[in-house]
Amino acid sequence: MIEVFKELDKEKTIISIPIKLTKNLKEQIKKTDMASVSEYITFVLRMVLSEDTKIKDETKIREKLKKLGYL
């Protein structure tokens, strides 16, 4: 087994992204207080997923209000 995988946290997984993108991310990270590409990507993904949830919630609320005759 590759050494990297032996040390992998059981609560995490490995993903691969293009090297050019990684270089761009490292430049972006310099403008933040984040320590690694992994930390930055985790933050961004949480933000994106949170927005998706908000949109779904707003859609459900609008549908309920419409059914109740408020919209």
PDB file of N, CA and C in Angstrom:
ATOM      1  N   MET A   1       0.847  -1.179   0.000  1.00  0.00           N
ATOM      2  CA  MET A   1       0.000   0.000   0.000  1.00  0.00           C
ATOM      3  C   MET A   1       0.890   1.240   0.000  1.00  0.00           C
ATOM      4  N   ILE A   2       0.484   2.265  -0.722  1.00  0.00           N
ATOM      5  CA  ILE A   2       1.259   3.499  -0.789  1.00  0.00           C
ATOM      6  C   ILE A   2       1.257   4.170   0.581  1.00  0.00           C
ATOM      7  N   GLU A   3       2.381   4.728   0.964  1.00  0.00           N
ATOM      8  CA  GLU A   3       2.558   5.346   2.282  1.00  0.00           C
ATOM      9  C   GLU A   3       1.523   6.443   2.560  1.00  0.00           C
ATOM     10  N   VAL A   4       1.182   7.234   1.571  1.00  0.00           N
ATOM     11  CA  VAL A   4       0.202   8.312   1.741  1.00  0.00           C
ATOM     12  C   VAL A   4      -1.120   7.757   2.251  1.00  0.00           C
ATOM     13  N   PHE A   5      -1.547   6.656   1.709  1.00  0.00           N
ATOM     14  CA  PHE A   5      -2.832   6.083   2.086  1.00  0.00           C
ATOM     15  C   PHE A   5      -2.823   5.527   3.507  1.00  0.00           C
ATOM     16  N   LYS A   6      -1.679   5.090   3.970  1.00  0.00           N
ATOM     17  CA  LYS A   6      -1.583   4.572   5.337  1.00  0.00           C
ATOM     18  C   LYS A   6      -1.845   5.671   6.355  1.00  0.00           C
ATOM     19  N   GLU A   7      -1.445   6.896   6.027  1.00  0.00           N
ATOM     20  CA  GLU A   7      -1.582   8.018   6.947  1.00  0.00           C
ATOM     21  C   GLU A   7      -2.885   8.782   6.751  1.00  0.00           C
ATOM     22  N   LEU A   8      -3.683   8.398   5.807  1.00  0.00           N
ATOM     23  CA  LEU A   8      -4.912   9.116   5.509  1.00  0.00           C
ATOM     24  C   LEU A   8      -5.891   9.031   6.670  1.00  0.00           C
ATOM     25  N   ASP A   9      -6.407  10.172   7.062  1.00  0.00           N
ATOM     26  CA  ASP A   9      -7.416  10.259   8.119  1.00  0.00           C
ATOM     27  C   ASP A   9      -8.644   9.469   7.689  1.00  0.00           C
ATOM     28  N   LYS A  10      -9.199   8.691   8.582  1.00  0.00           N
ATOM     29  CA  LYS A  10     -10.363   7.846   8.270  1.00  0.00           C
ATOM     30  C   LYS A  10     -11.595   8.670   7.913  1.00  0.00           C
ATOM     31  N   GLU A  11     -11.604   9.947   8.277  1.00  0.00           N
ATOM     32  CA  GLU A  11     -12.738  10.830   7.996  1.00  0.00           C
ATOM     33  C   GLU A  11     -12.535  11.650   6.722  1.00  0.00           C
ATOM     34  N   LYS A  12     -11.482  11.356   5.980  1.00  0.00           N
ATOM     35  CA  LYS A  12     -11.175  12.125   4.775  1.00  0.00           C
ATOM     36  C   LYS A  12     -10.930  11.198   3.596  1.00  0.00           C
ATOM     37  N   THR A  13     -10.933  11.782   2.409  1.00  0.00           N
ATOM     38  CA  THR A  13     -10.657  11.042   1.191  1.00  0.00           C
ATOM     39  C   THR A  13      -9.701  11.861   0.327  1.00  0.00           C
ATOM     40  N   ILE A  14      -9.134  11.237  -0.654  1.00  0.00           N
ATOM     41  CA  ILE A  14      -8.218  11.917  -1.568  1.00  0.00           C
ATOM     42  C   ILE A  14      -8.945  12.189  -2.876  1.00  0.00           C
ATOM     43  N   ILE A  15      -8.787  13.413  -3.381  1.00  0.00           N
ATOM     44  CA  ILE A  15      -9.299  13.745  -4.710  1.00  0.00           C
ATOM     45  C   ILE A  15      -8.130  14.267  -5.534  1.00  0.00           C
ATOM     46  N   SER A  16      -8.268  14.214  -6.837  1.00  0.00           N
ATOM     47  CA  SER A  16      -7.212  14.748  -7.690  1.00  0.00           C
ATOM     48  C   SER A  16      -7.775  15.889  -8.514  1.00  0.00           C
ATOM     49  N   ILE A  17      -6.962  16.924  -8.663  1.00  0.00           N
ATOM     50  CA  ILE A  17      -7.334  18.073  -9.482  1.00  0.00           C
ATOM     51  C   ILE A  17      -6.128  18.423 -10.349  1.00  0.00           C
ATOM     52  N   PRO A  18      -6.360  19.121 -11.453  1.00  0.00           N
ATOM     53  CA  PRO A  18      -5.251  19.472 -12.336  1.00  0.00           C
ATOM     54  C   PRO A  18      -4.183  20.314 -11.621  1.00  0.00           C
ATOM     55  N   ILE A  19      -2.932  20.090 -11.969  1.00  0.00           N
ATOM     56  CA  ILE A  19      -1.813  20.811 -11.361  1.00  0.00           C
ATOM     57  C   ILE A  19      -1.961  22.312 -11.568  1.00  0.00           C
ATOM     58  N   LYS A  20      -2.378  22.725 -12.755  1.00  0.00           N
ATOM     59  CA  LYS A  20      -2.537  24.158 -13.032  1.00  0.00           C
ATOM     60  C   LYS A  20      -3.550  24.773 -12.068  1.00  0.00           C
ATOM     61  N   LEU A  21      -4.625  24.068 -11.813  1.00  0.00           N
ATOM     62  CA  LEU A  21      -5.633  24.555 -10.876  1.00  0.00           C
ATOM     63  C   LEU A  21      -5.046  24.649  -9.467  1.00  0.00           C
ATOM     64  N   THR A  22      -4.253  23.678  -9.089  1.00  0.00           N
ATOM     65  CA  THR A  22      -3.607  23.698  -7.773  1.00  0.00           C
ATOM     66  C   THR A  22      -2.707  24.921  -7.632  1.00  0.00           C
ATOM     67  N   LYS A  23      -1.970  25.234  -8.682  1.00  0.00           N
ATOM     68  CA  LYS A  23      -1.099  26.416  -8.649  1.00  0.00           C
ATOM     69  C   LYS A  23      -1.930  27.681  -8.472  1.00  0.00           C
ATOM     70  N   ASN A  24      -3.047  27.771  -9.184  1.00  0.00           N
ATOM     71  CA  ASN A  24      -3.934  28.930  -9.044  1.00  0.00           C
ATOM     72  C   ASN A  24      -4.509  29.016  -7.631  1.00  0.00           C
ATOM     73  N   LEU A  25      -4.877  27.877  -7.078  1.00  0.00           N
ATOM     74  CA  LEU A  25      -5.415  27.847  -5.716  1.00  0.00           C
ATOM     75  C   LEU A  25      -4.372  28.304  -4.701  1.00  0.00           C
ATOM     76  N   LYS A  26      -3.133  27.894  -4.891  1.00  0.00           N
ATOM     77  CA  LYS A  26      -2.069  28.308  -3.972  1.00  0.00           C
ATOM     78  C   LYS A  26      -1.908  29.824  -3.974  1.00  0.00           C
ATOM     79  N   GLU A  27      -2.087  30.442  -5.131  1.00  0.00           N
ATOM     80  CA  GLU A  27      -2.034  31.904  -5.207  1.00  0.00           C
ATOM     81  C   GLU A  27      -3.218  32.527  -4.461  1.00  0.00           C
ATOM     82  N   GLN A  28      -4.392  31.945  -4.619  1.00  0.00           N
ATOM     83  CA  GLN A  28      -5.577  32.443  -3.910  1.00  0.00           C
ATOM     84  C   GLN A  28      -5.419  32.292  -2.397  1.00  0.00           C
ATOM     85  N   ILE A  29      -4.832  31.196  -1.973  1.00  0.00           N
ATOM     86  CA  ILE A  29      -4.666  30.914  -0.547  1.00  0.00           C
ATOM     87  C   ILE A  29      -3.789  31.969   0.123  1.00  0.00           C
ATOM     88  N   LYS A  30      -2.830  32.515  -0.609  1.00  0.00           N
ATOM     89  CA  LYS A  30      -1.960  33.554  -0.048  1.00  0.00           C
ATOM     90  C   LYS A  30      -2.766  34.760   0.426  1.00  0.00           C
ATOM     91  N   LYS A  31      -3.954  34.969  -0.147  1.00  0.00           N
ATOM     92  CA  LYS A  31      -4.812  36.102   0.205  1.00  0.00           C
ATOM     93  C   LYS A  31      -5.735  35.778   1.378  1.00  0.00           C
ATOM     94  N   THR A  32      -5.618  34.577   1.928  1.00  0.00           N
ATOM     95  CA  THR A  32      -6.498  34.131   3.008  1.00  0.00           C
ATOM     96  C   THR A  32      -5.670  33.702   4.217  1.00  0.00           C
ATOM     97  N   ASP A  33      -6.374  33.282   5.258  1.00  0.00           N
ATOM     98  CA  ASP A  33      -5.673  32.746   6.427  1.00  0.00           C
ATOM     99  C   ASP A  33      -5.677  31.218   6.428  1.00  0.00           C
ATOM    100  N   MET A  34      -6.009  30.631   5.285  1.00  0.00           N
ATOM    101  CA  MET A  34      -6.048  29.172   5.185  1.00  0.00           C
ATOM    102  C   MET A  34      -4.640  28.628   4.977  1.00  0.00           C
ATOM    103  N   ALA A  35      -4.430  27.414   5.489  1.00  0.00           N
ATOM    104  CA  ALA A  35      -3.083  26.848   5.505  1.00  0.00           C
ATOM    105  C   ALA A  35      -2.774  25.907   4.346  1.00  0.00           C
ATOM    106  N   SER A  36      -3.803  25.429   3.637  1.00  0.00           N
ATOM    107  CA  SER A  36      -3.533  24.432   2.598  1.00  0.00           C
ATOM    108  C   SER A  36      -4.600  24.466   1.507  1.00  0.00           C
ATOM    109  N   VAL A  37      -4.264  23.838   0.393  1.00  0.00           N
ATOM    110  CA  VAL A  37      -5.221  23.701  -0.703  1.00  0.00           C
ATOM    111  C   VAL A  37      -6.429  22.901  -0.226  1.00  0.00           C
ATOM    112  N   SER A  38      -6.185  21.862   0.539  1.00  0.00           N
ATOM    113  CA  SER A  38      -7.271  21.026   1.055  1.00  0.00           C
ATOM    114  C   SER A  38      -8.238  21.840   1.912  1.00  0.00           C
ATOM    115  N   GLU A  39      -7.695  22.660   2.796  1.00  0.00           N
ATOM    116  CA  GLU A  39      -8.533  23.497   3.660  1.00  0.00           C
ATOM    117  C   GLU A  39      -9.356  24.482   2.823  1.00  0.00           C
ATOM    118  N   TYR A  40      -8.727  25.071   1.814  1.00  0.00           N
ATOM    119  CA  TYR A  40      -9.409  26.032   0.947  1.00  0.00           C
ATOM    120  C   TYR A  40     -10.535  25.362   0.155  1.00  0.00           C
ATOM    121  N   ILE A  41     -10.251  24.221  -0.427  1.00  0.00           N
ATOM    122  CA  ILE A  41     -11.257  23.499  -1.210  1.00  0.00           C
ATOM    123  C   ILE A  41     -12.416  23.060  -0.321  1.00  0.00           C
ATOM    124  N   THR A  42     -12.117  22.600   0.886  1.00  0.00           N
ATOM    125  CA  THR A  42     -13.169  22.203   1.820  1.00  0.00           C
ATOM    126  C   THR A  42     -14.075  23.387   2.125  1.00  0.00           C
ATOM    127  N   PHE A  43     -13.487  24.549   2.372  1.00  0.00           N
ATOM    128  CA  PHE A  43     -14.258  25.761   2.648  1.00  0.00           C
ATOM    129  C   PHE A  43     -15.158  26.119   1.465  1.00  0.00           C
ATOM    130  N   VAL A  44     -14.583  26.137   0.274  1.00  0.00           N
ATOM    131  CA  VAL A  44     -15.348  26.503  -0.927  1.00  0.00           C
ATOM    132  C   VAL A  44     -16.488  25.515  -1.176  1.00  0.00           C
ATOM    133  N   LEU A  45     -16.221  24.237  -1.044  1.00  0.00           N
ATOM    134  CA  LEU A  45     -17.268  23.233  -1.256  1.00  0.00           C
ATOM    135  C   LEU A  45     -18.393  23.382  -0.237  1.00  0.00           C
ATOM    136  N   ARG A  46     -18.038  23.662   1.009  1.00  0.00           N
ATOM    137  CA  ARG A  46     -19.080  23.878   2.025  1.00  0.00           C
ATOM    138  C   ARG A  46     -19.943  25.083   1.670  1.00  0.00           C
ATOM    139  N   MET A  47     -19.311  26.140   1.165  1.00  0.00           N
ATOM    140  CA  MET A  47     -20.065  27.334   0.761  1.00  0.00           C
ATOM    141  C   MET A  47     -21.009  27.007  -0.395  1.00  0.00           C
ATOM    142  N   VAL A  48     -20.514  26.315  -1.390  1.00  0.00           N
ATOM    143  CA  VAL A  48     -21.324  25.953  -2.558  1.00  0.00           C
ATOM    144  C   VAL A  48     -22.490  25.063  -2.146  1.00  0.00           C
ATOM    145  N   LEU A  49     -22.222  24.065  -1.336  1.00  0.00           N
ATOM    146  CA  LEU A  49     -23.281  23.152  -0.897  1.00  0.00           C
ATOM    147  C   LEU A  49     -24.297  23.861  -0.013  1.00  0.00           C
ATOM    148  N   SER A  50     -23.837  24.802   0.775  1.00  0.00           N
ATOM    149  CA  SER A  50     -24.732  25.583   1.624  1.00  0.00           C
ATOM    150  C   SER A  50     -25.669  26.425   0.760  1.00  0.00           C
ATOM    151  N   GLU A  51     -25.125  27.045  -0.281  1.00  0.00           N
ATOM    152  CA  GLU A  51     -25.945  27.848  -1.195  1.00  0.00           C
ATOM    153  C   GLU A  51     -26.994  26.981  -1.877  1.00  0.00           C
ATOM    154  N   ASP A  52     -26.609  25.779  -2.289  1.00  0.00           N
ATOM    155  CA  ASP A  52     -27.541  24.859  -2.933  1.00  0.00           C
ATOM    156  C   ASP A  52     -28.696  24.536  -1.992  1.00  0.00           C
ATOM    157  N   THR A  53     -28.377  24.310  -0.731  1.00  0.00           N
ATOM    158  CA  THR A  53     -29.405  24.012   0.266  1.00  0.00           C
ATOM    159  C   THR A  53     -30.319  25.209   0.460  1.00  0.00           C
ATOM    160  N   LYS A  54     -29.757  26.413   0.500  1.00  0.00           N
ATOM    161  CA  LYS A  54     -30.555  27.632   0.673  1.00  0.00           C
ATOM    162  C   LYS A  54     -31.526  27.800  -0.487  1.00  0.00           C
ATOM    163  N   ILE A  55     -31.052  27.560  -1.699  1.00  0.00           N
ATOM    164  CA  ILE A  55     -31.906  27.691  -2.883  1.00  0.00           C
ATOM    165  C   ILE A  55     -33.047  26.689  -2.816  1.00  0.00           C
ATOM    166  N   LYS A  56     -32.743  25.455  -2.441  1.00  0.00           N
ATOM    167  CA  LYS A  56     -33.786  24.432  -2.320  1.00  0.00           C
ATOM    168  C   LYS A  56     -34.793  24.818  -1.249  1.00  0.00           C
ATOM    169  N   ASP A  57     -34.301  25.338  -0.111  1.00  0.00           N
ATOM    170  CA  ASP A  57     -35.194  25.757   0.967  1.00  0.00           C
ATOM    171  C   ASP A  57     -36.089  26.908   0.517  1.00  0.00           C
ATOM    172  N   GLU A  58     -35.511  27.879  -0.181  1.00  0.00           N
ATOM    173  CA  GLU A  58     -36.290  29.014  -0.672  1.00  0.00           C
ATOM    174  C   GLU A  58     -37.358  28.543  -1.657  1.00  0.00           C
ATOM    175  N   THR A  59     -37.006  27.603  -2.512  1.00  0.00           N
ATOM    176  CA  THR A  59     -37.962  27.065  -3.477  1.00  0.00           C
ATOM    177  C   THR A  59     -39.118  26.387  -2.756  1.00  0.00           C
ATOM    178  N   LYS A  60     -38.822  25.599  -1.739  1.00  0.00           N
ATOM    179  CA  LYS A  60     -39.877  24.925  -0.972  1.00  0.00           C
ATOM    180  C   LYS A  60     -40.775  25.942  -0.277  1.00  0.00           C
ATOM    181  N   ILE A  61     -40.184  26.975   0.289  1.00  0.00           N
ATOM    182  CA  ILE A  61     -40.971  28.009   0.969  1.00  0.00           C
ATOM    183  C   ILE A  61     -41.883  28.716  -0.018  1.00  0.00           C
ATOM    184  N   ARG A  62     -41.353  29.058  -1.187  1.00  0.00           N
ATOM    185  CA  ARG A  62     -42.175  29.725  -2.208  1.00  0.00           C
ATOM    186  C   ARG A  62     -43.341  28.833  -2.642  1.00  0.00           C
ATOM    187  N   GLU A  63     -43.059  27.540  -2.816  1.00  0.00           N
ATOM    188  CA  GLU A  63     -44.123  26.605  -3.208  1.00  0.00           C
ATOM    189  C   GLU A  63     -45.211  26.539  -2.141  1.00  0.00           C
ATOM    190  N   LYS A  64     -44.821  26.497  -0.882  1.00  0.00           N
ATOM    191  CA  LYS A  64     -45.801  26.455   0.210  1.00  0.00           C
ATOM    192  C   LYS A  64     -46.619  27.738   0.260  1.00  0.00           C
ATOM    193  N   LEU A  65     -45.941  28.879   0.116  1.00  0.00           N
ATOM    194  CA  LEU A  65     -46.653  30.159   0.128  1.00  0.00           C
ATOM    195  C   LEU A  65     -47.611  30.274  -1.050  1.00  0.00           C
ATOM    196  N   LYS A  66     -47.201  29.753  -2.204  1.00  0.00           N
ATOM    197  CA  LYS A  66     -48.060  29.780  -3.383  1.00  0.00           C
ATOM    198  C   LYS A  66     -49.290  28.908  -3.154  1.00  0.00           C
ATOM    199  N   LYS A  67     -49.102  27.714  -2.580  1.00  0.00           N
ATOM    200  CA  LYS A  67     -50.230  26.826  -2.290  1.00  0.00           C
ATOM    201  C   LYS A  67     -51.191  27.450  -1.293  1.00  0.00           C
ATOM    202  N   LEU A  68     -50.648  28.253  -0.383  1.00  0.00           N
ATOM    203  CA  LEU A  68     -51.490  28.915   0.611  1.00  0.00           C
ATOM    204  C   LEU A  68     -52.139  30.191   0.071  1.00  0.00           C
ATOM    205  N   GLY A  69     -51.755  30.576  -1.147  1.00  0.00           N
ATOM    206  CA  GLY A  69     -52.362  31.733  -1.788  1.00  0.00           C
ATOM    207  C   GLY A  69     -51.681  33.054  -1.488  1.00  0.00           C
ATOM    208  N   TYR A  70     -50.508  33.022  -0.896  1.00  0.00           N
ATOM    209  CA  TYR A  70     -49.797  34.261  -0.571  1.00  0.00           C
ATOM    210  C   TYR A  70     -48.975  34.795  -1.738  1.00  0.00           C
ATOM    211  N   LEU A  71     -48.712  33.963  -2.708  1.00  0.00           N
ATOM    212  CA  LEU A  71     -47.943  34.400  -3.888  1.00  0.00           C
ATOM    213  C   LEU A  71     -48.738  34.173  -5.146  1.00  0.00           C
TER     214      LEU A  71
END
